[in-house]
Amino acid sequence: MIQNLGIPGLILVLIIALIVFGPSKLPEIGKAFGSTLREFKNSTRDLLSDDDKIVKKQDKEI
């Protein structure tokens, strides 16, 4: 569904968010979303690196 979202769809979503939350809350919501996304990426990267370490350790034992 998100793959089919083009420029007009993004503009519509932004207009609806502006109407629902108002112009004063929108930057706060964007900042919170950005920090949440950054934290998720960092956690994912840590999990993947931990998995790589475990696989390398198991390869050395064999």
PDB file of N, CA and C in Angstrom:
ATOM      1  N   MET A   1       0.820  -1.187   0.000  1.00  0.00           N
ATOM      2  CA  MET A   1       0.000   0.000   0.000  1.00  0.00           C
ATOM      3  C   MET A   1       0.865   1.252   0.000  1.00  0.00           C
ATOM      4  N   ILE A   2       1.893   1.291   0.818  1.00  0.00           N
ATOM      5  CA  ILE A   2       2.746   2.466   0.891  1.00  0.00           C
ATOM      6  C   ILE A   2       3.558   2.612  -0.395  1.00  0.00           C
ATOM      7  N   GLN A   3       3.817   1.523  -1.084  1.00  0.00           N
ATOM      8  CA  GLN A   3       4.578   1.590  -2.317  1.00  0.00           C
ATOM      9  C   GLN A   3       3.834   2.368  -3.390  1.00  0.00           C
ATOM     10  N   ASN A   4       2.521   2.366  -3.348  1.00  0.00           N
ATOM     11  CA  ASN A   4       1.719   3.053  -4.341  1.00  0.00           C
ATOM     12  C   ASN A   4       1.448   4.507  -3.969  1.00  0.00           C
ATOM     13  N   LEU A   5       2.002   4.987  -2.879  1.00  0.00           N
ATOM     14  CA  LEU A   5       1.778   6.339  -2.405  1.00  0.00           C
ATOM     15  C   LEU A   5       2.729   7.280  -3.131  1.00  0.00           C
ATOM     16  N   GLY A   6       2.184   8.133  -3.986  1.00  0.00           N
ATOM     17  CA  GLY A   6       3.006   9.064  -4.748  1.00  0.00           C
ATOM     18  C   GLY A   6       3.013  10.437  -4.108  1.00  0.00           C
ATOM     19  N   ILE A   7       3.459  11.416  -4.867  1.00  0.00           N
ATOM     20  CA  ILE A   7       3.529  12.793  -4.387  1.00  0.00           C
ATOM     21  C   ILE A   7       2.143  13.325  -4.004  1.00  0.00           C
ATOM     22  N   PRO A   8       1.118  13.125  -4.844  1.00  0.00           N
ATOM     23  CA  PRO A   8      -0.205  13.625  -4.432  1.00  0.00           C
ATOM     24  C   PRO A   8      -0.712  12.973  -3.139  1.00  0.00           C
ATOM     25  N   GLY A   9      -0.405  11.704  -2.958  1.00  0.00           N
ATOM     26  CA  GLY A   9      -0.803  11.017  -1.736  1.00  0.00           C
ATOM     27  C   GLY A   9      -0.084  11.561  -0.517  1.00  0.00           C
ATOM     28  N   LEU A  10       1.208  11.840  -0.661  1.00  0.00           N
ATOM     29  CA  LEU A  10       1.967  12.411   0.450  1.00  0.00           C
ATOM     30  C   LEU A  10       1.450  13.791   0.819  1.00  0.00           C
ATOM     31  N   ILE A  11       1.118  14.589  -0.191  1.00  0.00           N
ATOM     32  CA  ILE A  11       0.573  15.922   0.069  1.00  0.00           C
ATOM     33  C   ILE A  11      -0.762  15.810   0.803  1.00  0.00           C
ATOM     34  N   LEU A  12      -1.580  14.861   0.399  1.00  0.00           N
ATOM     35  CA  LEU A  12      -2.868  14.653   1.062  1.00  0.00           C
ATOM     36  C   LEU A  12      -2.675  14.231   2.520  1.00  0.00           C
ATOM     37  N   VAL A  13      -1.733  13.337   2.763  1.00  0.00           N
ATOM     38  CA  VAL A  13      -1.454  12.897   4.135  1.00  0.00           C
ATOM     39  C   VAL A  13      -0.965  14.073   4.978  1.00  0.00           C
ATOM     40  N   LEU A  14      -0.096  14.900   4.428  1.00  0.00           N
ATOM     41  CA  LEU A  14       0.403  16.064   5.166  1.00  0.00           C
ATOM     42  C   LEU A  14      -0.707  17.064   5.468  1.00  0.00           C
ATOM     43  N   ILE A  15      -1.599  17.284   4.521  1.00  0.00           N
ATOM     44  CA  ILE A  15      -2.720  18.202   4.749  1.00  0.00           C
ATOM     45  C   ILE A  15      -3.641  17.661   5.836  1.00  0.00           C
ATOM     46  N   ILE A  16      -3.933  16.373   5.799  1.00  0.00           N
ATOM     47  CA  ILE A  16      -4.790  15.769   6.836  1.00  0.00           C
ATOM     48  C   ILE A  16      -4.116  15.856   8.197  1.00  0.00           C
ATOM     49  N   ALA A  17      -2.796  15.577   8.257  1.00  0.00           N
ATOM     50  CA  ALA A  17      -2.074  15.679   9.524  1.00  0.00           C
ATOM     51  C   ALA A  17      -2.075  17.115  10.032  1.00  0.00           C
ATOM     52  N   LEU A  18      -1.948  18.072   9.134  1.00  0.00           N
ATOM     53  CA  LEU A  18      -1.971  19.478   9.527  1.00  0.00           C
ATOM     54  C   LEU A  18      -3.331  19.859  10.097  1.00  0.00           C
ATOM     55  N   ILE A  19      -4.395  19.358   9.498  1.00  0.00           N
ATOM     56  CA  ILE A  19      -5.749  19.652   9.984  1.00  0.00           C
ATOM     57  C   ILE A  19      -5.993  18.976  11.336  1.00  0.00           C
ATOM     58  N   VAL A  20      -5.583  17.719  11.463  1.00  0.00           N
ATOM     59  CA  VAL A  20      -5.863  16.965  12.689  1.00  0.00           C
ATOM     60  C   VAL A  20      -5.020  17.468  13.864  1.00  0.00           C
ATOM     61  N   PHE A  21      -3.727  17.645  13.659  1.00  0.00           N
ATOM     62  CA  PHE A  21      -2.836  17.979  14.765  1.00  0.00           C
ATOM     63  C   PHE A  21      -2.568  19.474  14.909  1.00  0.00           C
ATOM     64  N   GLY A  22      -2.715  20.229  13.857  1.00  0.00           N
ATOM     65  CA  GLY A  22      -2.447  21.656  13.916  1.00  0.00           C
ATOM     66  C   GLY A  22      -0.987  21.959  13.654  1.00  0.00           C
ATOM     67  N   PRO A  23      -0.711  23.198  13.280  1.00  0.00           N
ATOM     68  CA  PRO A  23       0.664  23.564  12.906  1.00  0.00           C
ATOM     69  C   PRO A  23       1.643  23.584  14.078  1.00  0.00           C
ATOM     70  N   SER A  24       1.155  23.743  15.303  1.00  0.00           N
ATOM     71  CA  SER A  24       2.083  23.800  16.438  1.00  0.00           C
ATOM     72  C   SER A  24       2.560  22.424  16.867  1.00  0.00           C
ATOM     73  N   LYS A  25       1.745  21.396  16.694  1.00  0.00           N
ATOM     74  CA  LYS A  25       2.108  20.039  17.110  1.00  0.00           C
ATOM     75  C   LYS A  25       2.876  19.267  16.039  1.00  0.00           C
ATOM     76  N   LEU A  26       2.747  19.670  14.791  1.00  0.00           N
ATOM     77  CA  LEU A  26       3.345  18.910  13.694  1.00  0.00           C
ATOM     78  C   LEU A  26       4.870  18.773  13.811  1.00  0.00           C
ATOM     79  N   PRO A  27       5.629  19.834  14.141  1.00  0.00           N
ATOM     80  CA  PRO A  27       7.088  19.643  14.306  1.00  0.00           C
ATOM     81  C   PRO A  27       7.446  18.690  15.445  1.00  0.00           C
ATOM     82  N   GLU A  28       6.676  18.745  16.536  1.00  0.00           N
ATOM     83  CA  GLU A  28       6.936  17.835  17.652  1.00  0.00           C
ATOM     84  C   GLU A  28       6.701  16.387  17.245  1.00  0.00           C
ATOM     85  N   ILE A  29       5.647  16.151  16.486  1.00  0.00           N
ATOM     86  CA  ILE A  29       5.331  14.796  16.024  1.00  0.00           C
ATOM     87  C   ILE A  29       6.416  14.318  15.061  1.00  0.00           C
ATOM     88  N   GLY A  30       6.868  15.184  14.170  1.00  0.00           N
ATOM     89  CA  GLY A  30       7.941  14.829  13.236  1.00  0.00           C
ATOM     90  C   GLY A  30       9.230  14.490  13.959  1.00  0.00           C
ATOM     91  N   LYS A  31       9.556  15.278  14.974  1.00  0.00           N
ATOM     92  CA  LYS A  31      10.773  15.022  15.744  1.00  0.00           C
ATOM     93  C   LYS A  31      10.684  13.690  16.483  1.00  0.00           C
ATOM     94  N   ALA A  32       9.526  13.427  17.083  1.00  0.00           N
ATOM     95  CA  ALA A  32       9.337  12.158  17.796  1.00  0.00           C
ATOM     96  C   ALA A  32       9.407  10.979  16.831  1.00  0.00           C
ATOM     97  N   PHE A  33       8.801  11.125  15.649  1.00  0.00           N
ATOM     98  CA  PHE A  33       8.851  10.058  14.657  1.00  0.00           C
ATOM     99  C   PHE A  33      10.287   9.817  14.185  1.00  0.00           C
ATOM    100  N   GLY A  34      11.031  10.886  13.975  1.00  0.00           N
ATOM    101  CA  GLY A  34      12.423  10.751  13.543  1.00  0.00           C
ATOM    102  C   GLY A  34      13.291  10.069  14.579  1.00  0.00           C
ATOM    103  N   SER A  35      13.122  10.441  15.843  1.00  0.00           N
ATOM    104  CA  SER A  35      13.934   9.808  16.890  1.00  0.00           C
ATOM    105  C   SER A  35      13.548   8.342  17.080  1.00  0.00           C
ATOM    106  N   THR A  36      12.266   8.036  16.934  1.00  0.00           N
ATOM    107  CA  THR A  36      11.827   6.646  17.023  1.00  0.00           C
ATOM    108  C   THR A  36      12.406   5.821  15.886  1.00  0.00           C
ATOM    109  N   LEU A  37      12.389   6.369  14.685  1.00  0.00           N
ATOM    110  CA  LEU A  37      12.948   5.669  13.530  1.00  0.00           C
ATOM    111  C   LEU A  37      14.451   5.472  13.686  1.00  0.00           C
ATOM    112  N   ARG A  38      15.161   6.468  14.195  1.00  0.00           N
ATOM    113  CA  ARG A  38      16.603   6.350  14.416  1.00  0.00           C
ATOM    114  C   ARG A  38      16.897   5.268  15.446  1.00  0.00           C
ATOM    115  N   GLU A  39      16.124   5.236  16.528  1.00  0.00           N
ATOM    116  CA  GLU A  39      16.317   4.215  17.558  1.00  0.00           C
ATOM    117  C   GLU A  39      16.048   2.817  17.008  1.00  0.00           C
ATOM    118  N   PHE A  40      15.020   2.682  16.180  1.00  0.00           N
ATOM    119  CA  PHE A  40      14.697   1.390  15.571  1.00  0.00           C
ATOM    120  C   PHE A  40      15.833   0.924  14.664  1.00  0.00           C
ATOM    121  N   LYS A  41      16.377   1.834  13.849  1.00  0.00           N
ATOM    122  CA  LYS A  41      17.490   1.471  12.966  1.00  0.00           C
ATOM    123  C   LYS A  41      18.709   1.043  13.762  1.00  0.00           C
ATOM    124  N   ASN A  42      19.016   1.772  14.832  1.00  0.00           N
ATOM    125  CA  ASN A  42      20.173   1.412  15.656  1.00  0.00           C
ATOM    126  C   ASN A  42      19.978   0.048  16.314  1.00  0.00           C
ATOM    127  N   SER A  43      18.782  -0.221  16.793  1.00  0.00           N
ATOM    128  CA  SER A  43      18.512  -1.516  17.420  1.00  0.00           C
ATOM    129  C   SER A  43      18.623  -2.649  16.410  1.00  0.00           C
ATOM    130  N   THR A  44      18.110  -2.414  15.213  1.00  0.00           N
ATOM    131  CA  THR A  44      18.190  -3.422  14.159  1.00  0.00           C
ATOM    132  C   THR A  44      19.646  -3.692  13.788  1.00  0.00           C
ATOM    133  N   ARG A  45      20.424  -2.631  13.665  1.00  0.00           N
ATOM    134  CA  ARG A  45      21.845  -2.776  13.329  1.00  0.00           C
ATOM    135  C   ARG A  45      22.579  -3.550  14.422  1.00  0.00           C
ATOM    136  N   ASP A  46      22.267  -3.262  15.690  1.00  0.00           N
ATOM    137  CA  ASP A  46      22.898  -3.984  16.798  1.00  0.00           C
ATOM    138  C   ASP A  46      22.535  -5.468  16.781  1.00  0.00           C
ATOM    139  N   LEU A  47      21.264  -5.762  16.527  1.00  0.00           N
ATOM    140  CA  LEU A  47      20.845  -7.161  16.474  1.00  0.00           C
ATOM    141  C   LEU A  47      21.543  -7.913  15.342  1.00  0.00           C
ATOM    142  N   LEU A  48      21.660  -7.276  14.193  1.00  0.00           N
ATOM    143  CA  LEU A  48      22.323  -7.922  13.064  1.00  0.00           C
ATOM    144  C   LEU A  48      23.806  -8.146  13.344  1.00  0.00           C
ATOM    145  N   SER A  49      24.449  -7.181  13.988  1.00  0.00           N
ATOM    146  CA  SER A  49      25.871  -7.361  14.288  1.00  0.00           C
ATOM    147  C   SER A  49      26.067  -8.452  15.344  1.00  0.00           C
ATOM    148  N   ASP A  50      25.134  -8.536  16.303  1.00  0.00           N
ATOM    149  CA  ASP A  50      25.216  -9.614  17.295  1.00  0.00           C
ATOM    150  C   ASP A  50      25.067 -10.978  16.633  1.00  0.00           C
ATOM    151  N   ASP A  51      24.136 -11.078  15.683  1.00  0.00           N
ATOM    152  CA  ASP A  51      23.953 -12.332  14.951  1.00  0.00           C
ATOM    153  C   ASP A  51      25.209 -12.698  14.176  1.00  0.00           C
ATOM    154  N   ASP A  52      25.848 -11.708  13.555  1.00  0.00           N
ATOM    155  CA  ASP A  52      27.077 -11.974  12.809  1.00  0.00           C
ATOM    156  C   ASP A  52      28.182 -12.469  13.734  1.00  0.00           C
ATOM    157  N   LYS A  53      28.272 -11.888  14.924  1.00  0.00           N
ATOM    158  CA  LYS A  53      29.286 -12.314  15.883  1.00  0.00           C
ATOM    159  C   LYS A  53      29.053 -13.758  16.316  1.00  0.00           C
ATOM    160  N   ILE A  54      27.790 -14.110  16.534  1.00  0.00           N
ATOM    161  CA  ILE A  54      27.466 -15.479  16.954  1.00  0.00           C
ATOM    162  C   ILE A  54      27.815 -16.470  15.847  1.00  0.00           C
ATOM    163  N   VAL A  55      27.491 -16.123  14.610  1.00  0.00           N
ATOM    164  CA  VAL A  55      27.787 -17.006  13.473  1.00  0.00           C
ATOM    165  C   VAL A  55      29.294 -17.173  13.315  1.00  0.00           C
ATOM    166  N   LYS A  56      30.057 -16.097  13.435  1.00  0.00           N
ATOM    167  CA  LYS A  56      31.510 -16.186  13.318  1.00  0.00           C
ATOM    168  C   LYS A  56      32.104 -17.033  14.430  1.00  0.00           C
ATOM    169  N   LYS A  57      31.555 -16.881  15.628  1.00  0.00           N
ATOM    170  CA  LYS A  57      32.037 -17.664  16.762  1.00  0.00           C
ATOM    171  C   LYS A  57      31.768 -19.143  16.550  1.00  0.00           C
ATOM    172  N   GLN A  58      30.593 -19.477  16.022  1.00  0.00           N
ATOM    173  CA  GLN A  58      30.256 -20.868  15.756  1.00  0.00           C
ATOM    174  C   GLN A  58      31.124 -21.431  14.636  1.00  0.00           C
ATOM    175  N   ASP A  59      31.455 -20.608  13.649  1.00  0.00           N
ATOM    176  CA  ASP A  59      32.314 -21.069  12.556  1.00  0.00           C
ATOM    177  C   ASP A  59      33.721 -21.378  13.071  1.00  0.00           C
ATOM    178  N   LYS A  60      34.211 -20.609  14.016  1.00  0.00           N
ATOM    179  CA  LYS A  60      35.538 -20.850  14.565  1.00  0.00           C
ATOM    180  C   LYS A  60      35.587 -22.144  15.379  1.00  0.00           C
ATOM    181  N   GLU A  61      34.471 -22.461  16.039  1.00  0.00           N
ATOM    182  CA  GLU A  61      34.421 -23.673  16.862  1.00  0.00           C
ATOM    183  C   GLU A  61      34.385 -24.933  16.014  1.00  0.00           C
ATOM    184  N   ILE A  62      33.909 -24.826  14.801  1.00  0.00           N
ATOM    185  CA  ILE A  62      33.779 -26.011  13.942  1.00  0.00           C
ATOM    186  C   ILE A  62      35.068 -26.347  13.294  1.00  0.00           C
TER     187      ILE A  62
END
